[in-house]
């Protein structure tokens, strides 16, 4: 078992996949000792920020804690608000944008590829 306080994992950085704007990243699963088979993170997209369009090779989940966003998957867009989840499928091209006046706070989870011995 690993118990991780997100305050120990926080850093400000540009979001992945295009460095669109700025974000606060809580790289929670990075603090878990190996081996680990999944990623679990929180990211706060600041006003105007986005995780740019990128292909995924696994299922991925975005859960909205606060703020408003717009998610893209294979050309289809949907609005996201607190309590909503976007379940994105293996092989899709995905991205998510902050919309509205307040930052978009998300929990993001996806599997890691198995470690080869």
C-alpha atoms as a PDB file:
ATOM      1  CA  UNK A   1       0.000   0.000   0.000  1.00  0.00           C
ATOM      2  CA  UNK A   2       1.065   3.558  -0.648  1.00  0.00           C
ATOM      3  CA  UNK A   3      -0.707   6.527   0.934  1.00  0.00           C
ATOM      4  CA  UNK A   4       0.117   9.750  -0.898  1.00  0.00           C
ATOM      5  CA  UNK A   5      -0.762  13.337   0.000  1.00  0.00           C
ATOM      6  CA  UNK A   6      -1.307  15.277  -3.225  1.00  0.00           C
ATOM      7  CA  UNK A   7       0.370  18.302  -1.612  1.00  0.00           C
ATOM      8  CA  UNK A   8       3.643  16.376  -1.834  1.00  0.00           C
ATOM      9  CA  UNK A   9       3.274  15.931  -5.622  1.00  0.00           C
ATOM     10  CA  UNK A  10       2.245  19.407  -6.820  1.00  0.00           C
ATOM     11  CA  UNK A  11       4.072  21.463  -9.433  1.00  0.00           C
ATOM     12  CA  UNK A  12       3.196  24.157 -11.961  1.00  0.00           C
ATOM     13  CA  UNK A  13       3.873  23.164 -15.553  1.00  0.00           C
ATOM     14  CA  UNK A  14       2.570  23.507 -19.074  1.00  0.00           C
ATOM     15  CA  UNK A  15      -0.045  20.839 -19.831  1.00  0.00           C
ATOM     16  CA  UNK A  16       1.056  17.883 -21.954  1.00  0.00           C
ATOM     17  CA  UNK A  17       0.437  17.505 -25.677  1.00  0.00           C
ATOM     18  CA  UNK A  18       0.984  21.022 -26.946  1.00  0.00           C
ATOM     19  CA  UNK A  19       1.912  23.083 -23.869  1.00  0.00           C
ATOM     20  CA  UNK A  20      -1.248  25.192 -24.265  1.00  0.00           C
ATOM     21  CA  UNK A  21      -1.329  27.607 -21.330  1.00  0.00           C
ATOM     22  CA  UNK A  22      -0.345  26.609 -17.791  1.00  0.00           C
ATOM     23  CA  UNK A  23      -1.567  24.086 -15.260  1.00  0.00           C
ATOM     24  CA  UNK A  24      -1.030  22.813 -11.763  1.00  0.00           C
ATOM     25  CA  UNK A  25      -0.142  19.110 -11.852  1.00  0.00           C
ATOM     26  CA  UNK A  26      -0.583  16.682  -8.978  1.00  0.00           C
ATOM     27  CA  UNK A  27       1.446  13.701 -10.193  1.00  0.00           C
ATOM     28  CA  UNK A  28       0.071  11.446  -7.476  1.00  0.00           C
ATOM     29  CA  UNK A  29       0.969   8.041  -8.884  1.00  0.00           C
ATOM     30  CA  UNK A  30       4.574   9.154  -9.487  1.00  0.00           C
ATOM     31  CA  UNK A  31       5.008   8.918  -5.702  1.00  0.00           C
ATOM     32  CA  UNK A  32       3.884   5.266  -5.617  1.00  0.00           C
ATOM     33  CA  UNK A  33       6.760   2.806  -5.481  1.00  0.00           C
ATOM     34  CA  UNK A  34       7.203   0.424  -8.412  1.00  0.00           C
ATOM     35  CA  UNK A  35       5.816  -1.652  -9.795  1.00  0.00           C
ATOM     36  CA  UNK A  36       2.663   0.291 -10.575  1.00  0.00           C
ATOM     37  CA  UNK A  37       0.289  -0.479 -13.407  1.00  0.00           C
ATOM     38  CA  UNK A  38      -1.744   2.724 -13.586  1.00  0.00           C
ATOM     39  CA  UNK A  39      -1.482   6.485 -13.554  1.00  0.00           C
ATOM     40  CA  UNK A  40      -3.674   8.554 -11.242  1.00  0.00           C
ATOM     41  CA  UNK A  41      -3.299  12.315 -11.380  1.00  0.00           C
ATOM     42  CA  UNK A  42      -5.085  15.559 -10.753  1.00  0.00           C
ATOM     43  CA  UNK A  43      -4.530  18.468 -13.080  1.00  0.00           C
ATOM     44  CA  UNK A  44      -5.892  21.988 -12.835  1.00  0.00           C
ATOM     45  CA  UNK A  45      -5.986  23.684 -16.226  1.00  0.00           C
ATOM     46  CA  UNK A  46      -5.638  27.435 -15.740  1.00  0.00           C
ATOM     47  CA  UNK A  47      -7.757  29.832 -17.779  1.00  0.00           C
ATOM     48  CA  UNK A  48      -7.227  29.209 -21.506  1.00  0.00           C
ATOM     49  CA  UNK A  49      -5.165  26.036 -20.971  1.00  0.00           C
ATOM     50  CA  UNK A  50      -5.627  22.661 -22.658  1.00  0.00           C
ATOM     51  CA  UNK A  51      -4.283  19.150 -22.887  1.00  0.00           C
ATOM     52  CA  UNK A  52      -3.879  19.188 -26.653  1.00  0.00           C
ATOM     53  CA  UNK A  53      -5.114  16.615 -29.120  1.00  0.00           C
ATOM     54  CA  UNK A  54      -3.196  13.339 -28.951  1.00  0.00           C
ATOM     55  CA  UNK A  55      -3.799   9.668 -29.743  1.00  0.00           C
ATOM     56  CA  UNK A  56      -4.179   7.287 -26.805  1.00  0.00           C
ATOM     57  CA  UNK A  57      -3.156   3.619 -26.742  1.00  0.00           C
ATOM     58  CA  UNK A  58      -5.335   2.691 -23.756  1.00  0.00           C
ATOM     59  CA  UNK A  59      -8.651   3.659 -22.195  1.00  0.00           C
ATOM     60  CA  UNK A  60      -8.434   6.919 -20.224  1.00  0.00           C
ATOM     61  CA  UNK A  61     -10.797   8.643 -17.764  1.00  0.00           C
ATOM     62  CA  UNK A  62     -11.207  12.381 -17.098  1.00  0.00           C
ATOM     63  CA  UNK A  63     -13.373  13.205 -14.049  1.00  0.00           C
ATOM     64  CA  UNK A  64     -14.281  16.871 -13.473  1.00  0.00           C
ATOM     65  CA  UNK A  65     -13.976  18.161  -9.897  1.00  0.00           C
ATOM     66  CA  UNK A  66     -14.635  21.847 -10.622  1.00  0.00           C
ATOM     67  CA  UNK A  67     -14.810  24.326 -13.466  1.00  0.00           C
ATOM     68  CA  UNK A  68     -16.020  23.769 -17.008  1.00  0.00           C
ATOM     69  CA  UNK A  69     -14.339  22.087 -19.900  1.00  0.00           C
ATOM     70  CA  UNK A  70     -14.755  20.767 -23.395  1.00  0.00           C
ATOM     71  CA  UNK A  71     -13.518  17.289 -24.282  1.00  0.00           C
ATOM     72  CA  UNK A  72     -12.724  15.994 -27.757  1.00  0.00           C
ATOM     73  CA  UNK A  73     -12.633  12.360 -28.878  1.00  0.00           C
ATOM     74  CA  UNK A  74     -12.232  11.467 -32.555  1.00  0.00           C
ATOM     75  CA  UNK A  75     -13.764  14.745 -33.731  1.00  0.00           C
ATOM     76  CA  UNK A  76     -16.746  14.709 -31.330  1.00  0.00           C
ATOM     77  CA  UNK A  77     -16.895  17.440 -28.688  1.00  0.00           C
ATOM     78  CA  UNK A  78     -18.819  17.521 -25.404  1.00  0.00           C
ATOM     79  CA  UNK A  79     -19.160  20.015 -22.550  1.00  0.00           C
ATOM     80  CA  UNK A  80     -18.013  18.835 -19.109  1.00  0.00           C
ATOM     81  CA  UNK A  81     -19.063  20.241 -15.729  1.00  0.00           C
ATOM     82  CA  UNK A  82     -18.402  19.113 -12.127  1.00  0.00           C
ATOM     83  CA  UNK A  83     -19.371  15.511 -11.477  1.00  0.00           C
ATOM     84  CA  UNK A  84     -19.153  14.522 -15.156  1.00  0.00           C
ATOM     85  CA  UNK A  85     -16.761  11.897 -16.498  1.00  0.00           C
ATOM     86  CA  UNK A  86     -15.361  11.452 -19.994  1.00  0.00           C
ATOM     87  CA  UNK A  87     -14.456   7.804 -20.624  1.00  0.00           C
ATOM     88  CA  UNK A  88     -12.124   7.806 -23.630  1.00  0.00           C
ATOM     89  CA  UNK A  89     -11.352   4.673 -25.611  1.00  0.00           C
ATOM     90  CA  UNK A  90      -8.140   3.056 -26.817  1.00  0.00           C
ATOM     91  CA  UNK A  91      -7.152   4.332 -30.256  1.00  0.00           C
ATOM     92  CA  UNK A  92      -9.019   7.653 -30.069  1.00  0.00           C
ATOM     93  CA  UNK A  93      -7.509  11.101 -30.638  1.00  0.00           C
ATOM     94  CA  UNK A  94      -8.445  13.101 -27.538  1.00  0.00           C
ATOM     95  CA  UNK A  95      -7.956  16.497 -25.893  1.00  0.00           C
ATOM     96  CA  UNK A  96      -9.559  18.682 -23.217  1.00  0.00           C
ATOM     97  CA  UNK A  97      -9.857  22.473 -22.897  1.00  0.00           C
ATOM     98  CA  UNK A  98     -10.640  24.740 -19.963  1.00  0.00           C
ATOM     99  CA  UNK A  99     -13.749  26.843 -20.606  1.00  0.00           C
ATOM    100  CA  UNK A 100     -15.460  29.504 -18.497  1.00  0.00           C
ATOM    101  CA  UNK A 101     -14.175  31.808 -15.789  1.00  0.00           C
ATOM    102  CA  UNK A 102     -12.632  29.375 -13.301  1.00  0.00           C
ATOM    103  CA  UNK A 103      -9.847  26.805 -13.679  1.00  0.00           C
ATOM    104  CA  UNK A 104     -10.797  23.256 -14.711  1.00  0.00           C
ATOM    105  CA  UNK A 105      -9.828  20.684 -12.071  1.00  0.00           C
ATOM    106  CA  UNK A 106      -9.687  17.065 -13.275  1.00  0.00           C
ATOM    107  CA  UNK A 107      -8.753  13.630 -12.041  1.00  0.00           C
ATOM    108  CA  UNK A 108      -7.087  11.644 -14.835  1.00  0.00           C
ATOM    109  CA  UNK A 109      -6.544   7.882 -14.720  1.00  0.00           C
ATOM    110  CA  UNK A 110      -5.148   5.424 -17.255  1.00  0.00           C
ATOM    111  CA  UNK A 111      -3.119   2.195 -17.309  1.00  0.00           C
ATOM    112  CA  UNK A 112       0.637   1.995 -17.691  1.00  0.00           C
ATOM    113  CA  UNK A 113       2.041  -0.475 -20.170  1.00  0.00           C
ATOM    114  CA  UNK A 114       3.349  -3.615 -18.460  1.00  0.00           C
ATOM    115  CA  UNK A 115       7.007  -3.480 -17.501  1.00  0.00           C
ATOM    116  CA  UNK A 116       9.044  -6.006 -19.489  1.00  0.00           C
ATOM    117  CA  UNK A 117      11.534  -8.027 -17.433  1.00  0.00           C
END
